[in-house]
Amino acid sequence: MGQRYCTREKKQDKEIQRRIEVGWTAFAKHRDIFKGNIKTCLKRQVYNSRVLPAMAYGAETWTLASQAKTKLAAA
């Protein structure tokens, strides 16, 4: 996973958007699991181990504006 992070707000917005897209792509790859007749605890494990790392890798060290935080939380 490459990073395009920059402290400039417009570049940060592009990176946030890219991370959201990567997260949704990871979610789509596991759609059968999330829609299947599988226990919720197992679905949560897949989500936490496959989707969240794709979306938030390295993001915990960023300084974000409140709008960016809201955007990531919504995704």
PDB file of N, CA and C in Angstrom:
ATOM      1  N   MET A   1       0.823  -1.169   0.000  1.00  0.00           N
ATOM      2  CA  MET A   1       0.000   0.000   0.000  1.00  0.00           C
ATOM      3  C   MET A   1       0.874   1.242   0.000  1.00  0.00           C
ATOM      4  N   GLY A   2       0.760   2.007  -1.039  1.00  0.00           N
ATOM      5  CA  GLY A   2       1.512   3.242  -1.101  1.00  0.00           C
ATOM      6  C   GLY A   2       0.815   4.336  -0.324  1.00  0.00           C
ATOM      7  N   GLN A   3       1.559   5.368  -0.030  1.00  0.00           N
ATOM      8  CA  GLN A   3       0.992   6.496   0.682  1.00  0.00           C
ATOM      9  C   GLN A   3       1.241   7.757  -0.117  1.00  0.00           C
ATOM     10  N   ARG A   4       0.249   8.610  -0.178  1.00  0.00           N
ATOM     11  CA  ARG A   4       0.377   9.892  -0.845  1.00  0.00           C
ATOM     12  C   ARG A   4       0.158  11.012   0.145  1.00  0.00           C
ATOM     13  N   TYR A   5       0.408  10.758   1.390  1.00  0.00           N
ATOM     14  CA  TYR A   5       0.098  11.725   2.428  1.00  0.00           C
ATOM     15  C   TYR A   5       0.988  12.952   2.325  1.00  0.00           C
ATOM     16  N   CYS A   6       0.367  14.091   2.492  1.00  0.00           N
ATOM     17  CA  CYS A   6       1.069  15.365   2.516  1.00  0.00           C
ATOM     18  C   CYS A   6       0.330  16.247   3.506  1.00  0.00           C
ATOM     19  N   THR A   7       1.016  17.197   4.077  1.00  0.00           N
ATOM     20  CA  THR A   7       0.373  18.035   5.084  1.00  0.00           C
ATOM     21  C   THR A   7      -0.547  19.078   4.472  1.00  0.00           C
ATOM     22  N   ARG A   8      -0.446  19.321   3.193  1.00  0.00           N
ATOM     23  CA  ARG A   8      -1.364  20.270   2.560  1.00  0.00           C
ATOM     24  C   ARG A   8      -2.765  19.665   2.531  1.00  0.00           C
ATOM     25  N   GLU A   9      -3.740  20.493   2.805  1.00  0.00           N
ATOM     26  CA  GLU A   9      -5.119  20.007   2.966  1.00  0.00           C
ATOM     27  C   GLU A   9      -5.662  19.322   1.714  1.00  0.00           C
ATOM     28  N   LYS A  10      -5.419  19.878   0.525  1.00  0.00           N
ATOM     29  CA  LYS A  10      -5.951  19.267  -0.699  1.00  0.00           C
ATOM     30  C   LYS A  10      -5.317  17.908  -0.946  1.00  0.00           C
ATOM     31  N   LYS A  11      -4.025  17.774  -0.697  1.00  0.00           N
ATOM     32  CA  LYS A  11      -3.359  16.485  -0.874  1.00  0.00           C
ATOM     33  C   LYS A  11      -3.868  15.494   0.164  1.00  0.00           C
ATOM     34  N   GLN A  12      -4.123  15.973   1.366  1.00  0.00           N
ATOM     35  CA  GLN A  12      -4.648  15.112   2.419  1.00  0.00           C
ATOM     36  C   GLN A  12      -6.028  14.596   2.026  1.00  0.00           C
ATOM     37  N   ASP A  13      -6.850  15.454   1.442  1.00  0.00           N
ATOM     38  CA  ASP A  13      -8.183  15.034   1.002  1.00  0.00           C
ATOM     39  C   ASP A  13      -8.092  13.944  -0.051  1.00  0.00           C
ATOM     40  N   LYS A  14      -7.138  14.050  -0.964  1.00  0.00           N
ATOM     41  CA  LYS A  14      -6.956  13.022  -1.991  1.00  0.00           C
ATOM     42  C   LYS A  14      -6.562  11.692  -1.361  1.00  0.00           C
ATOM     43  N   GLU A  15      -5.670  11.748  -0.374  1.00  0.00           N
ATOM     44  CA  GLU A  15      -5.241  10.519   0.291  1.00  0.00           C
ATOM     45  C   GLU A  15      -6.379   9.903   1.088  1.00  0.00           C
ATOM     46  N   ILE A  16      -7.170  10.725   1.746  1.00  0.00           N
ATOM     47  CA  ILE A  16      -8.313  10.215   2.495  1.00  0.00           C
ATOM     48  C   ILE A  16      -9.296   9.548   1.544  1.00  0.00           C
ATOM     49  N   GLN A  17      -9.569  10.185   0.419  1.00  0.00           N
ATOM     50  CA  GLN A  17     -10.478   9.605  -0.565  1.00  0.00           C
ATOM     51  C   GLN A  17      -9.933   8.282  -1.100  1.00  0.00           C
ATOM     52  N   ARG A  18      -8.623   8.229  -1.349  1.00  0.00           N
ATOM     53  CA  ARG A  18      -8.003   6.993  -1.832  1.00  0.00           C
ATOM     54  C   ARG A  18      -8.143   5.891  -0.804  1.00  0.00           C
ATOM     55  N   ARG A  19      -7.920   6.210   0.476  1.00  0.00           N
ATOM     56  CA  ARG A  19      -8.042   5.212   1.538  1.00  0.00           C
ATOM     57  C   ARG A  19      -9.469   4.692   1.659  1.00  0.00           C
ATOM     58  N   ILE A  20     -10.437   5.587   1.512  1.00  0.00           N
ATOM     59  CA  ILE A  20     -11.838   5.167   1.570  1.00  0.00           C
ATOM     60  C   ILE A  20     -12.140   4.205   0.426  1.00  0.00           C
ATOM     61  N   GLU A  21     -11.657   4.511  -0.765  1.00  0.00           N
ATOM     62  CA  GLU A  21     -11.865   3.633  -1.918  1.00  0.00           C
ATOM     63  C   GLU A  21     -11.212   2.271  -1.703  1.00  0.00           C
ATOM     64  N   VAL A  22     -10.007   2.262  -1.140  1.00  0.00           N
ATOM     65  CA  VAL A  22      -9.314   1.000  -0.858  1.00  0.00           C
ATOM     66  C   VAL A  22     -10.094   0.189   0.172  1.00  0.00           C
ATOM     67  N   GLY A  23     -10.641   0.867   1.175  1.00  0.00           N
ATOM     68  CA  GLY A  23     -11.444   0.183   2.187  1.00  0.00           C
ATOM     69  C   GLY A  23     -12.694  -0.446   1.600  1.00  0.00           C
ATOM     70  N   TRP A  24     -13.383   0.292   0.725  1.00  0.00           N
ATOM     71  CA  TRP A  24     -14.584  -0.257   0.091  1.00  0.00           C
ATOM     72  C   TRP A  24     -14.237  -1.409  -0.847  1.00  0.00           C
ATOM     73  N   THR A  25     -13.088  -1.324  -1.489  1.00  0.00           N
ATOM     74  CA  THR A  25     -12.647  -2.427  -2.348  1.00  0.00           C
ATOM     75  C   THR A  25     -12.404  -3.681  -1.516  1.00  0.00           C
ATOM     76  N   ALA A  26     -11.745  -3.514  -0.376  1.00  0.00           N
ATOM     77  CA  ALA A  26     -11.511  -4.653   0.517  1.00  0.00           C
ATOM     78  C   ALA A  26     -12.836  -5.218   1.029  1.00  0.00           C
ATOM     79  N   PHE A  27     -13.771  -4.336   1.330  1.00  0.00           N
ATOM     80  CA  PHE A  27     -15.087  -4.774   1.784  1.00  0.00           C
ATOM     81  C   PHE A  27     -15.786  -5.585   0.691  1.00  0.00           C
ATOM     82  N   ALA A  28     -15.704  -5.106  -0.542  1.00  0.00           N
ATOM     83  CA  ALA A  28     -16.357  -5.792  -1.667  1.00  0.00           C
ATOM     84  C   ALA A  28     -15.751  -7.171  -1.922  1.00  0.00           C
ATOM     85  N   LYS A  29     -14.450  -7.308  -1.703  1.00  0.00           N
ATOM     86  CA  LYS A  29     -13.798  -8.609  -1.896  1.00  0.00           C
ATOM     87  C   LYS A  29     -14.351  -9.664  -0.952  1.00  0.00           C
ATOM     88  N   HIS A  30     -14.824  -9.228   0.201  1.00  0.00           N
ATOM     89  CA  HIS A  30     -15.329 -10.150   1.221  1.00  0.00           C
ATOM     90  C   HIS A  30     -16.845 -10.074   1.348  1.00  0.00           C
ATOM     91  N   ARG A  31     -17.512  -9.603   0.320  1.00  0.00           N
ATOM     92  CA  ARG A  31     -18.967  -9.430   0.336  1.00  0.00           C
ATOM     93  C   ARG A  31     -19.695 -10.723   0.682  1.00  0.00           C
ATOM     94  N   ASP A  32     -19.222 -11.845   0.154  1.00  0.00           N
ATOM     95  CA  ASP A  32     -19.881 -13.129   0.438  1.00  0.00           C
ATOM     96  C   ASP A  32     -19.881 -13.440   1.933  1.00  0.00           C
ATOM     97  N   ILE A  33     -18.811 -13.088   2.596  1.00  0.00           N
ATOM     98  CA  ILE A  33     -18.726 -13.330   4.042  1.00  0.00           C
ATOM     99  C   ILE A  33     -19.706 -12.426   4.781  1.00  0.00           C
ATOM    100  N   PHE A  34     -19.713 -11.135   4.415  1.00  0.00           N
ATOM    101  CA  PHE A  34     -20.568 -10.184   5.124  1.00  0.00           C
ATOM    102  C   PHE A  34     -22.053 -10.415   4.866  1.00  0.00           C
ATOM    103  N   LYS A  35     -22.407 -10.921   3.706  1.00  0.00           N
ATOM    104  CA  LYS A  35     -23.814 -11.178   3.394  1.00  0.00           C
ATOM    105  C   LYS A  35     -24.229 -12.605   3.735  1.00  0.00           C
ATOM    106  N   GLY A  36     -23.263 -13.459   4.017  1.00  0.00           N
ATOM    107  CA  GLY A  36     -23.552 -14.854   4.267  1.00  0.00           C
ATOM    108  C   GLY A  36     -24.135 -15.126   5.638  1.00  0.00           C
ATOM    109  N   ASN A  37     -24.486 -16.365   5.840  1.00  0.00           N
ATOM    110  CA  ASN A  37     -25.067 -16.819   7.100  1.00  0.00           C
ATOM    111  C   ASN A  37     -23.928 -17.246   8.035  1.00  0.00           C
ATOM    112  N   ILE A  38     -23.150 -16.267   8.452  1.00  0.00           N
ATOM    113  CA  ILE A  38     -21.986 -16.492   9.300  1.00  0.00           C
ATOM    114  C   ILE A  38     -22.180 -15.665  10.571  1.00  0.00           C
ATOM    115  N   LYS A  39     -21.658 -16.157  11.673  1.00  0.00           N
ATOM    116  CA  LYS A  39     -21.800 -15.443  12.938  1.00  0.00           C
ATOM    117  C   LYS A  39     -21.206 -14.037  12.835  1.00  0.00           C
ATOM    118  N   THR A  40     -21.853 -13.110  13.521  1.00  0.00           N
ATOM    119  CA  THR A  40     -21.420 -11.716  13.512  1.00  0.00           C
ATOM    120  C   THR A  40     -20.001 -11.555  14.044  1.00  0.00           C
ATOM    121  N   CYS A  41     -19.632 -12.348  15.036  1.00  0.00           N
ATOM    122  CA  CYS A  41     -18.286 -12.229  15.595  1.00  0.00           C
ATOM    123  C   CYS A  41     -17.221 -12.580  14.550  1.00  0.00           C
ATOM    124  N   LEU A  42     -17.524 -13.527  13.676  1.00  0.00           N
ATOM    125  CA  LEU A  42     -16.576 -13.875  12.618  1.00  0.00           C
ATOM    126  C   LEU A  42     -16.531 -12.800  11.538  1.00  0.00           C
ATOM    127  N   LYS A  43     -17.681 -12.218  11.235  1.00  0.00           N
ATOM    128  CA  LYS A  43     -17.721 -11.110  10.279  1.00  0.00           C
ATOM    129  C   LYS A  43     -16.904  -9.938  10.807  1.00  0.00           C
ATOM    130  N   ARG A  44     -17.028  -9.672  12.100  1.00  0.00           N
ATOM    131  CA  ARG A  44     -16.281  -8.588  12.725  1.00  0.00           C
ATOM    132  C   ARG A  44     -14.780  -8.835  12.642  1.00  0.00           C
ATOM    133  N   GLN A  45     -14.368 -10.082  12.833  1.00  0.00           N
ATOM    134  CA  GLN A  45     -12.943 -10.412  12.732  1.00  0.00           C
ATOM    135  C   GLN A  45     -12.415 -10.170  11.321  1.00  0.00           C
ATOM    136  N   VAL A  46     -13.183 -10.541  10.322  1.00  0.00           N
ATOM    137  CA  VAL A  46     -12.778 -10.302   8.930  1.00  0.00           C
ATOM    138  C   VAL A  46     -12.700  -8.798   8.671  1.00  0.00           C
ATOM    139  N   TYR A  47     -13.701  -8.065   9.123  1.00  0.00           N
ATOM    140  CA  TYR A  47     -13.719  -6.617   8.933  1.00  0.00           C
ATOM    141  C   TYR A  47     -12.511  -5.964   9.606  1.00  0.00           C
ATOM    142  N   ASN A  48     -12.255  -6.336  10.855  1.00  0.00           N
ATOM    143  CA  ASN A  48     -11.148  -5.735  11.595  1.00  0.00           C
ATOM    144  C   ASN A  48      -9.775  -6.119  11.054  1.00  0.00           C
ATOM    145  N   SER A  49      -9.675  -7.304  10.446  1.00  0.00           N
ATOM    146  CA  SER A  49      -8.367  -7.744   9.961  1.00  0.00           C
ATOM    147  C   SER A  49      -8.128  -7.448   8.487  1.00  0.00           C
ATOM    148  N   ARG A  50      -9.185  -7.212   7.711  1.00  0.00           N
ATOM    149  CA  ARG A  50      -9.014  -7.002   6.269  1.00  0.00           C
ATOM    150  C   ARG A  50      -9.434  -5.626   5.779  1.00  0.00           C
ATOM    151  N   VAL A  51     -10.530  -5.109   6.279  1.00  0.00           N
ATOM    152  CA  VAL A  51     -11.059  -3.844   5.760  1.00  0.00           C
ATOM    153  C   VAL A  51     -10.430  -2.646   6.474  1.00  0.00           C
ATOM    154  N   LEU A  52     -10.469  -2.630   7.781  1.00  0.00           N
ATOM    155  CA  LEU A  52      -9.932  -1.489   8.516  1.00  0.00           C
ATOM    156  C   LEU A  52      -8.445  -1.229   8.244  1.00  0.00           C
ATOM    157  N   PRO A  53      -7.599  -2.247   8.234  1.00  0.00           N
ATOM    158  CA  PRO A  53      -6.188  -1.962   7.944  1.00  0.00           C
ATOM    159  C   PRO A  53      -5.975  -1.368   6.551  1.00  0.00           C
ATOM    160  N   ALA A  54      -6.775  -1.766   5.594  1.00  0.00           N
ATOM    161  CA  ALA A  54      -6.652  -1.224   4.241  1.00  0.00           C
ATOM    162  C   ALA A  54      -7.013   0.255   4.220  1.00  0.00           C
ATOM    163  N   MET A  55      -8.015   0.623   5.015  1.00  0.00           N
ATOM    164  CA  MET A  55      -8.486   1.998   4.997  1.00  0.00           C
ATOM    165  C   MET A  55      -7.652   2.914   5.890  1.00  0.00           C
ATOM    166  N   ALA A  56      -7.227   2.437   7.018  1.00  0.00           N
ATOM    167  CA  ALA A  56      -6.643   3.324   8.016  1.00  0.00           C
ATOM    168  C   ALA A  56      -5.156   3.121   8.252  1.00  0.00           C
ATOM    169  N   TYR A  57      -4.484   2.371   7.409  1.00  0.00           N
ATOM    170  CA  TYR A  57      -3.062   2.100   7.620  1.00  0.00           C
ATOM    171  C   TYR A  57      -2.274   3.401   7.747  1.00  0.00           C
ATOM    172  N   GLY A  58      -1.687   3.639   8.898  1.00  0.00           N
ATOM    173  CA  GLY A  58      -0.878   4.830   9.133  1.00  0.00           C
ATOM    174  C   GLY A  58      -1.673   6.074   9.473  1.00  0.00           C
ATOM    175  N   ALA A  59      -2.981   6.045   9.319  1.00  0.00           N
ATOM    176  CA  ALA A  59      -3.802   7.237   9.522  1.00  0.00           C
ATOM    177  C   ALA A  59      -3.865   7.670  10.983  1.00  0.00           C
ATOM    178  N   GLU A  60      -3.580   6.764  11.901  1.00  0.00           N
ATOM    179  CA  GLU A  60      -3.676   7.133  13.313  1.00  0.00           C
ATOM    180  C   GLU A  60      -2.626   8.159  13.716  1.00  0.00           C
ATOM    181  N   THR A  61      -1.625   8.387  12.895  1.00  0.00           N
ATOM    182  CA  THR A  61      -0.594   9.374  13.218  1.00  0.00           C
ATOM    183  C   THR A  61      -0.834  10.715  12.531  1.00  0.00           C
ATOM    184  N   TRP A  62      -1.890  10.815  11.743  1.00  0.00           N
ATOM    185  CA  TRP A  62      -2.174  12.056  11.021  1.00  0.00           C
ATOM    186  C   TRP A  62      -2.819  13.085  11.930  1.00  0.00           C
ATOM    187  N   THR A  63      -2.588  14.346  11.612  1.00  0.00           N
ATOM    188  CA  THR A  63      -3.323  15.429  12.226  1.00  0.00           C
ATOM    189  C   THR A  63      -4.414  15.791  11.240  1.00  0.00           C
ATOM    190  N   LEU A  64      -5.661  15.595  11.630  1.00  0.00           N
ATOM    191  CA  LEU A  64      -6.776  15.770  10.708  1.00  0.00           C
ATOM    192  C   LEU A  64      -7.694  16.908  11.139  1.00  0.00           C
ATOM    193  N   ALA A  65      -8.247  17.573  10.161  1.00  0.00           N
ATOM    194  CA  ALA A  65      -9.287  18.558  10.423  1.00  0.00           C
ATOM    195  C   ALA A  65     -10.560  17.812  10.795  1.00  0.00           C
ATOM    196  N   SER A  66     -11.469  18.489  11.460  1.00  0.00           N
ATOM    197  CA  SER A  66     -12.695  17.814  11.899  1.00  0.00           C
ATOM    198  C   SER A  66     -13.506  17.305  10.709  1.00  0.00           C
ATOM    199  N   GLN A  67     -13.473  17.995   9.576  1.00  0.00           N
ATOM    200  CA  GLN A  67     -14.188  17.545   8.386  1.00  0.00           C
ATOM    201  C   GLN A  67     -13.609  16.220   7.882  1.00  0.00           C
ATOM    202  N   ALA A  68     -12.288  16.091   7.897  1.00  0.00           N
ATOM    203  CA  ALA A  68     -11.634  14.869   7.449  1.00  0.00           C
ATOM    204  C   ALA A  68     -11.950  13.711   8.402  1.00  0.00           C
ATOM    205  N   LYS A  69     -11.970  13.989   9.695  1.00  0.00           N
ATOM    206  CA  LYS A  69     -12.308  12.956  10.683  1.00  0.00           C
ATOM    207  C   LYS A  69     -13.719  12.443  10.447  1.00  0.00           C
ATOM    208  N   THR A  70     -14.632  13.356  10.180  1.00  0.00           N
ATOM    209  CA  THR A  70     -16.019  12.983   9.930  1.00  0.00           C
ATOM    210  C   THR A  70     -16.129  12.133   8.675  1.00  0.00           C
ATOM    211  N   LYS A  71     -15.391  12.502   7.643  1.00  0.00           N
ATOM    212  CA  LYS A  71     -15.416  11.768   6.386  1.00  0.00           C
ATOM    213  C   LYS A  71     -14.921  10.331   6.568  1.00  0.00           C
ATOM    214  N   LEU A  72     -13.816  10.166   7.303  1.00  0.00           N
ATOM    215  CA  LEU A  72     -13.285   8.825   7.564  1.00  0.00           C
ATOM    216  C   LEU A  72     -14.228   8.002   8.440  1.00  0.00           C
ATOM    217  N   ALA A  73     -14.803   8.645   9.446  1.00  0.00           N
ATOM    218  CA  ALA A  73     -15.724   7.939  10.339  1.00  0.00           C
ATOM    219  C   ALA A  73     -16.970   7.470   9.594  1.00  0.00           C
ATOM    220  N   ALA A  74     -17.453   8.280   8.675  1.00  0.00           N
ATOM    221  CA  ALA A  74     -18.630   7.924   7.908  1.00  0.00           C
ATOM    222  C   ALA A  74     -18.354   6.746   6.983  1.00  0.00           C
ATOM    223  N   ALA A  75     -17.152   6.695   6.438  1.00  0.00           N
ATOM    224  CA  ALA A  75     -16.788   5.596   5.530  1.00  0.00           C
ATOM    225  C   ALA A  75     -16.657   4.320   6.303  1.00  0.00           C
TER     226      ALA A  75
END
